[in-house]
Amino acid sequence: MTDSTSPNAVVIERIVDAPTDLVWRMWTEAEHFAAWYGPTGATIPVATMDVVVGGTRLVCMEMQTPNGTMKMWFTGEYLEIVENKRLVYTESMSDEHGTILDPAVLGMPADQPTTTEITVELDDLGTQTRMVMTHAGIPADSPGAMGWNMAFDKLATYLSTPH
């Protein structure tokens, strides 16, 4: 379910068939995050995550295009961590070293913010988890919303296998 209450944020709520501690690991352990993150067709060849307040993250998303392989790098900083409950981090487009890049230089719209903020809230429903992800700084009707929904479909599939 997508909630578009804010035009400058993508808000997605999902009930996932997994306990909260496992869903938390999907967001905070690099090998799990890399297995589901990104839209359909994307792979994550690099995911480094220092999940402490002030810690950094660096993620490479790779996709095949008619012109060959396209790599997009993202970096960010962890702002808030409440284990199994709430995770807040920033996200910016970057180079492979984590140097933040101006989105306009990368062909993004001129009004695309350099840094956005992602908040993940988890509610324990026993064998299920209510997950609400808010990506502030991108329009609710942007391609990013579609990408997040595809990623969460991949997450549901990944969670259906033993970990």
N, C-alpha and C. Protein backbone atom coordinates (compact mmCIF):
# COMPACT_ATOMS: atom_id res chain seq x y z
N MET A 1 0.85 -1.17 0.00
CA MET A 1 0.00 0.00 0.00
C MET A 1 0.89 1.23 0.00
N THR A 2 0.61 2.19 -0.84
CA THR A 2 1.36 3.43 -0.91
C THR A 2 0.49 4.57 -0.41
N ASP A 3 1.03 5.38 0.47
CA ASP A 3 0.31 6.52 1.00
C ASP A 3 0.98 7.77 0.47
N SER A 4 0.25 8.57 -0.27
CA SER A 4 0.85 9.76 -0.86
C SER A 4 0.38 11.02 -0.14
N THR A 5 0.41 11.01 1.21
CA THR A 5 -0.05 12.16 1.97
C THR A 5 0.88 13.35 1.81
N SER A 6 2.13 13.13 1.50
CA SER A 6 3.07 14.22 1.28
C SER A 6 3.57 14.15 -0.16
N PRO A 7 3.47 15.26 -0.89
CA PRO A 7 3.94 15.23 -2.28
C PRO A 7 5.46 15.10 -2.39
N ASN A 8 6.19 15.36 -1.30
CA ASN A 8 7.64 15.29 -1.34
C ASN A 8 8.19 14.11 -0.57
N ALA A 9 7.40 13.05 -0.50
CA ALA A 9 7.87 11.83 0.16
C ALA A 9 7.13 10.64 -0.40
N VAL A 10 7.86 9.55 -0.52
CA VAL A 10 7.25 8.27 -0.85
C VAL A 10 7.04 7.56 0.49
N VAL A 11 5.80 7.17 0.77
CA VAL A 11 5.49 6.45 2.00
C VAL A 11 4.84 5.14 1.59
N ILE A 12 5.45 4.04 2.00
CA ILE A 12 4.94 2.71 1.64
C ILE A 12 4.80 1.89 2.91
N GLU A 13 3.63 1.29 3.06
CA GLU A 13 3.38 0.40 4.19
C GLU A 13 3.17 -1.00 3.65
N ARG A 14 3.83 -1.95 4.27
CA ARG A 14 3.68 -3.36 3.91
C ARG A 14 3.59 -4.20 5.16
N ILE A 15 2.78 -5.23 5.10
CA ILE A 15 2.78 -6.27 6.13
C ILE A 15 3.57 -7.41 5.52
N VAL A 16 4.67 -7.79 6.17
CA VAL A 16 5.52 -8.85 5.63
C VAL A 16 5.43 -10.08 6.52
N ASP A 17 5.51 -11.24 5.89
CA ASP A 17 5.40 -12.52 6.60
C ASP A 17 6.74 -12.94 7.16
N ALA A 18 7.19 -12.18 8.16
CA ALA A 18 8.45 -12.50 8.83
C ALA A 18 8.46 -11.77 10.17
N PRO A 19 9.13 -12.36 11.16
CA PRO A 19 9.23 -11.67 12.45
C PRO A 19 10.08 -10.40 12.33
N THR A 20 9.85 -9.48 13.24
CA THR A 20 10.49 -8.17 13.19
C THR A 20 12.02 -8.25 13.21
N ASP A 21 12.58 -9.16 14.01
CA ASP A 21 14.05 -9.23 14.07
C ASP A 21 14.64 -9.64 12.72
N LEU A 22 13.94 -10.46 11.96
CA LEU A 22 14.42 -10.85 10.63
C LEU A 22 14.29 -9.68 9.65
N VAL A 23 13.19 -8.96 9.70
CA VAL A 23 13.01 -7.80 8.82
C VAL A 23 14.08 -6.75 9.13
N TRP A 24 14.38 -6.57 10.41
CA TRP A 24 15.44 -5.63 10.81
C TRP A 24 16.77 -6.01 10.16
N ARG A 25 17.08 -7.30 10.18
CA ARG A 25 18.33 -7.77 9.58
C ARG A 25 18.37 -7.49 8.08
N MET A 26 17.23 -7.52 7.42
CA MET A 26 17.16 -7.24 5.98
C MET A 26 17.62 -5.82 5.67
N TRP A 27 17.40 -4.90 6.61
CA TRP A 27 17.76 -3.50 6.44
C TRP A 27 19.15 -3.18 6.97
N THR A 28 19.69 -4.02 7.86
CA THR A 28 20.92 -3.64 8.57
C THR A 28 22.11 -4.56 8.32
N GLU A 29 21.92 -5.66 7.63
CA GLU A 29 23.03 -6.55 7.29
C GLU A 29 23.24 -6.51 5.79
N ALA A 30 24.43 -6.12 5.40
CA ALA A 30 24.73 -5.84 4.00
C ALA A 30 24.38 -6.98 3.06
N GLU A 31 24.69 -8.23 3.45
CA GLU A 31 24.44 -9.35 2.54
C GLU A 31 22.94 -9.54 2.31
N HIS A 32 22.13 -9.29 3.33
CA HIS A 32 20.68 -9.40 3.14
C HIS A 32 20.15 -8.22 2.34
N PHE A 33 20.59 -7.01 2.68
CA PHE A 33 20.14 -5.81 1.96
C PHE A 33 20.43 -5.94 0.47
N ALA A 34 21.63 -6.41 0.14
CA ALA A 34 22.03 -6.55 -1.26
C ALA A 34 21.17 -7.57 -2.00
N ALA A 35 20.59 -8.52 -1.28
CA ALA A 35 19.80 -9.58 -1.92
C ALA A 35 18.44 -9.10 -2.40
N TRP A 36 17.91 -8.02 -1.82
CA TRP A 36 16.55 -7.60 -2.20
C TRP A 36 16.44 -6.16 -2.68
N TYR A 37 17.39 -5.32 -2.38
CA TYR A 37 17.26 -3.89 -2.67
C TYR A 37 17.28 -3.61 -4.18
N GLY A 38 16.57 -2.59 -4.56
CA GLY A 38 16.57 -2.12 -5.95
C GLY A 38 15.37 -2.64 -6.72
N PRO A 39 15.09 -1.97 -7.84
CA PRO A 39 13.96 -2.40 -8.67
C PRO A 39 14.24 -3.73 -9.35
N THR A 40 13.21 -4.32 -9.92
CA THR A 40 13.34 -5.57 -10.66
C THR A 40 14.44 -5.41 -11.72
N GLY A 41 15.33 -6.39 -11.78
CA GLY A 41 16.41 -6.36 -12.75
C GLY A 41 17.70 -5.77 -12.22
N ALA A 42 17.63 -5.07 -11.09
CA ALA A 42 18.83 -4.47 -10.52
C ALA A 42 19.53 -5.48 -9.61
N THR A 43 20.84 -5.38 -9.56
CA THR A 43 21.62 -6.15 -8.61
C THR A 43 22.44 -5.17 -7.76
N ILE A 44 22.89 -5.65 -6.62
CA ILE A 44 23.68 -4.82 -5.70
C ILE A 44 25.03 -5.51 -5.51
N PRO A 45 26.02 -5.18 -6.35
CA PRO A 45 27.32 -5.84 -6.22
C PRO A 45 28.13 -5.35 -5.03
N VAL A 46 27.80 -4.15 -4.52
CA VAL A 46 28.53 -3.60 -3.37
C VAL A 46 27.51 -3.04 -2.38
N ALA A 47 27.62 -3.44 -1.13
CA ALA A 47 26.83 -2.86 -0.04
C ALA A 47 27.69 -2.91 1.21
N THR A 48 28.12 -1.74 1.67
CA THR A 48 28.85 -1.66 2.94
C THR A 48 28.02 -0.81 3.88
N MET A 49 27.85 -1.31 5.10
CA MET A 49 26.94 -0.66 6.04
C MET A 49 27.54 -0.69 7.43
N ASP A 50 27.86 0.48 7.97
CA ASP A 50 28.33 0.61 9.34
C ASP A 50 27.15 1.13 10.15
N VAL A 51 26.30 0.20 10.61
CA VAL A 51 25.01 0.55 11.20
C VAL A 51 25.18 0.97 12.66
N VAL A 52 25.70 2.18 12.84
CA VAL A 52 25.78 2.87 14.12
C VAL A 52 25.45 4.33 13.83
N VAL A 53 24.94 5.05 14.81
CA VAL A 53 24.65 6.46 14.58
C VAL A 53 25.95 7.15 14.17
N GLY A 54 25.91 7.84 13.04
CA GLY A 54 27.10 8.48 12.48
C GLY A 54 27.86 7.59 11.52
N GLY A 55 27.50 6.31 11.47
CA GLY A 55 28.14 5.38 10.55
C GLY A 55 27.68 5.64 9.12
N THR A 56 28.46 5.17 8.18
CA THR A 56 28.15 5.42 6.78
C THR A 56 27.74 4.14 6.07
N ARG A 57 27.14 4.36 4.91
CA ARG A 57 26.75 3.25 4.04
C ARG A 57 27.16 3.63 2.62
N LEU A 58 27.46 2.62 1.83
CA LEU A 58 27.80 2.81 0.41
C LEU A 58 27.21 1.62 -0.34
N VAL A 59 26.38 1.94 -1.33
CA VAL A 59 25.67 0.91 -2.08
C VAL A 59 25.83 1.19 -3.56
N CYS A 60 26.12 0.14 -4.32
CA CYS A 60 26.18 0.23 -5.78
C CYS A 60 25.00 -0.57 -6.34
N MET A 61 24.19 0.09 -7.16
CA MET A 61 23.10 -0.58 -7.85
C MET A 61 23.50 -0.69 -9.32
N GLU A 62 23.39 -1.90 -9.85
CA GLU A 62 23.81 -2.16 -11.21
C GLU A 62 22.61 -2.66 -12.02
N MET A 63 22.45 -2.11 -13.23
CA MET A 63 21.35 -2.53 -14.11
C MET A 63 21.88 -2.66 -15.54
N GLN A 64 21.29 -3.60 -16.26
CA GLN A 64 21.62 -3.74 -17.68
C GLN A 64 20.70 -2.82 -18.48
N THR A 65 21.27 -2.05 -19.39
CA THR A 65 20.51 -1.15 -20.26
C THR A 65 20.86 -1.48 -21.71
N PRO A 66 20.12 -0.96 -22.66
CA PRO A 66 20.48 -1.20 -24.07
C PRO A 66 21.90 -0.72 -24.41
N ASN A 67 22.42 0.24 -23.61
CA ASN A 67 23.76 0.76 -23.85
C ASN A 67 24.82 0.07 -22.99
N GLY A 68 24.44 -1.01 -22.32
CA GLY A 68 25.40 -1.73 -21.48
C GLY A 68 25.06 -1.61 -20.01
N THR A 69 26.01 -1.96 -19.16
CA THR A 69 25.81 -1.94 -17.72
C THR A 69 25.85 -0.52 -17.19
N MET A 70 24.85 -0.18 -16.36
CA MET A 70 24.81 1.12 -15.71
C MET A 70 24.97 0.89 -14.21
N LYS A 71 25.88 1.63 -13.61
CA LYS A 71 26.09 1.56 -12.17
C LYS A 71 25.70 2.90 -11.54
N MET A 72 24.96 2.81 -10.45
CA MET A 72 24.61 4.00 -9.68
C MET A 72 25.08 3.76 -8.25
N TRP A 73 25.78 4.73 -7.69
CA TRP A 73 26.31 4.63 -6.33
C TRP A 73 25.53 5.55 -5.41
N PHE A 74 25.30 5.09 -4.19
CA PHE A 74 24.60 5.86 -3.18
C PHE A 74 25.36 5.78 -1.87
N THR A 75 25.44 6.90 -1.17
CA THR A 75 26.07 6.93 0.14
C THR A 75 25.12 7.57 1.12
N GLY A 76 25.38 7.36 2.38
CA GLY A 76 24.54 7.99 3.39
C GLY A 76 25.11 7.80 4.77
N GLU A 77 24.41 8.40 5.73
CA GLU A 77 24.82 8.33 7.13
C GLU A 77 23.63 7.89 7.96
N TYR A 78 23.90 7.04 8.93
CA TYR A 78 22.86 6.58 9.85
C TYR A 78 22.62 7.66 10.91
N LEU A 79 21.36 8.10 11.03
CA LEU A 79 21.00 9.17 11.94
C LEU A 79 20.34 8.67 13.22
N GLU A 80 19.56 7.61 13.11
CA GLU A 80 18.83 7.09 14.27
C GLU A 80 18.68 5.58 14.13
N ILE A 81 18.94 4.87 15.22
CA ILE A 81 18.84 3.42 15.21
C ILE A 81 18.18 2.98 16.52
N VAL A 82 17.01 2.39 16.40
CA VAL A 82 16.33 1.77 17.53
C VAL A 82 16.07 0.33 17.09
N GLU A 83 16.90 -0.58 17.56
CA GLU A 83 16.89 -1.95 17.06
C GLU A 83 15.48 -2.56 17.02
N ASN A 84 15.19 -3.15 15.86
CA ASN A 84 13.91 -3.82 15.59
C ASN A 84 12.71 -2.88 15.58
N LYS A 85 12.95 -1.57 15.62
CA LYS A 85 11.85 -0.59 15.66
C LYS A 85 11.96 0.50 14.60
N ARG A 86 13.12 1.18 14.56
CA ARG A 86 13.23 2.38 13.73
C ARG A 86 14.66 2.57 13.23
N LEU A 87 14.76 2.87 11.95
CA LEU A 87 16.05 3.11 11.31
C LEU A 87 15.90 4.36 10.45
N VAL A 88 16.80 5.33 10.63
CA VAL A 88 16.77 6.56 9.84
C VAL A 88 18.17 6.78 9.27
N TYR A 89 18.22 6.99 7.95
CA TYR A 89 19.51 7.27 7.32
C TYR A 89 19.32 8.21 6.14
N THR A 90 20.41 8.89 5.77
CA THR A 90 20.38 9.77 4.61
C THR A 90 20.82 8.97 3.38
N GLU A 91 20.48 9.53 2.22
CA GLU A 91 20.92 8.90 0.97
C GLU A 91 21.24 10.00 -0.03
N SER A 92 22.39 9.86 -0.67
CA SER A 92 22.84 10.79 -1.71
C SER A 92 23.47 9.98 -2.82
N MET A 93 23.33 10.47 -4.04
CA MET A 93 24.06 9.85 -5.15
C MET A 93 25.54 10.18 -4.95
N SER A 94 26.39 9.22 -5.30
CA SER A 94 27.82 9.41 -5.04
C SER A 94 28.64 8.69 -6.10
N ASP A 95 29.95 8.83 -5.96
CA ASP A 95 30.84 7.99 -6.75
C ASP A 95 31.17 6.75 -5.93
N GLU A 96 32.02 5.90 -6.46
CA GLU A 96 32.33 4.63 -5.80
C GLU A 96 33.13 4.81 -4.50
N HIS A 97 33.59 6.04 -4.24
CA HIS A 97 34.34 6.32 -3.02
C HIS A 97 33.45 6.96 -1.95
N GLY A 98 32.16 7.18 -2.29
CA GLY A 98 31.25 7.79 -1.34
C GLY A 98 31.25 9.31 -1.38
N THR A 99 31.90 9.88 -2.38
CA THR A 99 31.88 11.34 -2.54
C THR A 99 30.54 11.73 -3.13
N ILE A 100 29.80 12.58 -2.43
CA ILE A 100 28.47 12.98 -2.88
C ILE A 100 28.55 13.79 -4.16
N LEU A 101 27.66 13.45 -5.10
CA LEU A 101 27.60 14.12 -6.40
C LEU A 101 26.32 14.93 -6.52
N ASP A 102 26.37 15.99 -7.28
CA ASP A 102 25.21 16.81 -7.57
C ASP A 102 24.29 16.03 -8.51
N PRO A 103 23.03 15.79 -8.13
CA PRO A 103 22.14 15.01 -8.99
C PRO A 103 21.98 15.58 -10.40
N ALA A 104 22.03 16.91 -10.55
CA ALA A 104 21.87 17.54 -11.87
C ALA A 104 23.00 17.12 -12.81
N VAL A 105 24.21 16.94 -12.26
CA VAL A 105 25.36 16.52 -13.06
C VAL A 105 25.13 15.11 -13.61
N LEU A 106 24.32 14.33 -12.89
CA LEU A 106 24.04 12.96 -13.29
C LEU A 106 22.78 12.84 -14.16
N GLY A 107 22.26 13.99 -14.58
CA GLY A 107 21.09 13.97 -15.47
C GLY A 107 19.76 13.91 -14.75
N MET A 108 19.76 14.11 -13.45
CA MET A 108 18.52 14.11 -12.67
C MET A 108 17.85 15.48 -12.80
N PRO A 109 16.56 15.57 -12.48
CA PRO A 109 15.87 16.86 -12.54
C PRO A 109 16.56 17.91 -11.66
N ALA A 110 16.49 19.17 -12.08
CA ALA A 110 17.17 20.25 -11.37
C ALA A 110 16.70 20.40 -9.93
N ASP A 111 15.46 20.01 -9.65
CA ASP A 111 14.93 20.17 -8.29
C ASP A 111 15.17 18.93 -7.42
N GLN A 112 15.91 17.96 -7.93
CA GLN A 112 16.23 16.76 -7.15
C GLN A 112 17.18 17.15 -6.02
N PRO A 113 16.81 16.88 -4.76
CA PRO A 113 17.71 17.24 -3.65
C PRO A 113 18.97 16.39 -3.67
N THR A 114 20.04 16.96 -3.18
CA THR A 114 21.31 16.24 -3.10
C THR A 114 21.22 15.12 -2.08
N THR A 115 20.53 15.38 -0.97
CA THR A 115 20.41 14.39 0.10
C THR A 115 18.95 14.20 0.45
N THR A 116 18.54 12.95 0.56
CA THR A 116 17.20 12.60 1.00
C THR A 116 17.31 11.80 2.28
N GLU A 117 16.16 11.55 2.92
CA GLU A 117 16.18 10.82 4.18
C GLU A 117 15.20 9.66 4.14
N ILE A 118 15.64 8.51 4.59
CA ILE A 118 14.81 7.30 4.61
C ILE A 118 14.59 6.90 6.06
N THR A 119 13.32 6.68 6.38
CA THR A 119 12.93 6.22 7.71
C THR A 119 12.19 4.91 7.54
N VAL A 120 12.61 3.91 8.30
CA VAL A 120 11.96 2.60 8.30
C VAL A 120 11.45 2.36 9.71
N GLU A 121 10.14 2.12 9.82
CA GLU A 121 9.52 1.84 11.11
C GLU A 121 8.93 0.44 11.07
N LEU A 122 9.22 -0.34 12.10
CA LEU A 122 8.76 -1.72 12.18
C LEU A 122 7.87 -1.91 13.40
N ASP A 123 6.74 -2.59 13.19
CA ASP A 123 5.84 -2.95 14.29
C ASP A 123 5.72 -4.46 14.32
N ASP A 124 5.98 -5.05 15.48
CA ASP A 124 5.92 -6.50 15.67
C ASP A 124 4.46 -6.96 15.72
N LEU A 125 4.09 -7.81 14.77
CA LEU A 125 2.75 -8.39 14.72
C LEU A 125 2.81 -9.90 14.97
N GLY A 126 3.81 -10.33 15.72
CA GLY A 126 3.99 -11.77 15.98
C GLY A 126 4.80 -12.40 14.87
N THR A 127 4.15 -13.22 14.03
CA THR A 127 4.87 -13.86 12.92
C THR A 127 4.96 -12.94 11.70
N GLN A 128 4.35 -11.77 11.79
CA GLN A 128 4.40 -10.79 10.72
C GLN A 128 4.95 -9.47 11.27
N THR A 129 5.33 -8.59 10.33
CA THR A 129 5.84 -7.27 10.70
C THR A 129 5.17 -6.22 9.83
N ARG A 130 4.70 -5.17 10.47
CA ARG A 130 4.22 -4.00 9.73
C ARG A 130 5.43 -3.11 9.49
N MET A 131 5.73 -2.85 8.23
CA MET A 131 6.88 -2.04 7.84
C MET A 131 6.38 -0.79 7.13
N VAL A 132 6.79 0.37 7.64
CA VAL A 132 6.45 1.63 6.98
C VAL A 132 7.77 2.31 6.62
N MET A 133 7.97 2.53 5.32
CA MET A 133 9.17 3.19 4.83
C MET A 133 8.76 4.55 4.28
N THR A 134 9.45 5.59 4.74
CA THR A 134 9.23 6.94 4.23
C THR A 134 10.53 7.42 3.62
N HIS A 135 10.48 7.77 2.34
CA HIS A 135 11.65 8.32 1.66
C HIS A 135 11.35 9.79 1.40
N ALA A 136 11.79 10.65 2.32
CA ALA A 136 11.52 12.09 2.25
C ALA A 136 12.49 12.74 1.28
N GLY A 137 11.94 13.62 0.45
CA GLY A 137 12.77 14.36 -0.50
C GLY A 137 12.57 13.95 -1.93
N ILE A 138 11.80 12.89 -2.16
CA ILE A 138 11.46 12.53 -3.54
C ILE A 138 9.95 12.53 -3.68
N PRO A 139 9.44 12.96 -4.82
CA PRO A 139 7.99 13.05 -5.00
C PRO A 139 7.30 11.70 -4.90
N ALA A 140 6.11 11.72 -4.33
CA ALA A 140 5.32 10.50 -4.14
C ALA A 140 5.01 9.82 -5.47
N ASP A 141 4.94 10.60 -6.55
CA ASP A 141 4.62 10.03 -7.86
C ASP A 141 5.86 9.84 -8.73
N SER A 142 7.03 9.79 -8.12
CA SER A 142 8.28 9.66 -8.87
C SER A 142 8.57 8.21 -9.23
N PRO A 143 9.52 7.99 -10.15
CA PRO A 143 9.95 6.62 -10.43
C PRO A 143 10.50 5.92 -9.19
N GLY A 144 10.99 6.71 -8.23
CA GLY A 144 11.50 6.12 -6.99
C GLY A 144 10.43 5.33 -6.25
N ALA A 145 9.19 5.79 -6.29
CA ALA A 145 8.10 5.06 -5.63
C ALA A 145 7.92 3.69 -6.27
N MET A 146 7.96 3.64 -7.60
CA MET A 146 7.83 2.37 -8.30
C MET A 146 9.01 1.46 -7.97
N GLY A 147 10.20 2.04 -7.91
CA GLY A 147 11.39 1.26 -7.57
C GLY A 147 11.31 0.66 -6.18
N TRP A 148 10.84 1.45 -5.21
CA TRP A 148 10.69 0.93 -3.84
C TRP A 148 9.68 -0.20 -3.81
N ASN A 149 8.56 -0.04 -4.50
CA ASN A 149 7.55 -1.11 -4.51
C ASN A 149 8.11 -2.39 -5.12
N MET A 150 8.89 -2.27 -6.18
CA MET A 150 9.53 -3.45 -6.78
C MET A 150 10.50 -4.09 -5.78
N ALA A 151 11.26 -3.25 -5.09
CA ALA A 151 12.21 -3.76 -4.10
C ALA A 151 11.48 -4.51 -2.99
N PHE A 152 10.36 -3.98 -2.54
CA PHE A 152 9.62 -4.65 -1.46
C PHE A 152 8.99 -5.94 -1.94
N ASP A 153 8.65 -6.03 -3.22
CA ASP A 153 8.20 -7.32 -3.78
C ASP A 153 9.36 -8.32 -3.73
N LYS A 154 10.56 -7.85 -4.08
CA LYS A 154 11.74 -8.72 -4.01
C LYS A 154 12.03 -9.12 -2.56
N LEU A 155 11.83 -8.19 -1.63
CA LEU A 155 12.03 -8.49 -0.21
C LEU A 155 11.08 -9.60 0.24
N ALA A 156 9.81 -9.50 -0.15
CA ALA A 156 8.83 -10.53 0.24
C ALA A 156 9.25 -11.91 -0.28
N THR A 157 9.73 -11.95 -1.51
CA THR A 157 10.20 -13.22 -2.09
C THR A 157 11.43 -13.72 -1.32
N TYR A 158 12.36 -12.83 -1.04
CA TYR A 158 13.57 -13.21 -0.32
C TYR A 158 13.25 -13.72 1.08
N LEU A 159 12.29 -13.09 1.74
CA LEU A 159 11.91 -13.50 3.09
C LEU A 159 11.22 -14.86 3.10
N SER A 160 10.70 -15.28 1.96
CA SER A 160 10.00 -16.57 1.91
C SER A 160 10.98 -17.75 1.86
N THR A 161 12.28 -17.45 1.76
CA THR A 161 13.30 -18.50 1.79
C THR A 161 13.99 -18.49 3.14
N PRO A 162 14.49 -19.61 3.64
CA PRO A 162 15.12 -19.65 4.97
C PRO A 162 16.38 -18.78 5.05
N HIS A 163 16.55 -18.13 6.21
CA HIS A 163 17.75 -17.33 6.47
C HIS A 163 18.30 -17.66 7.83
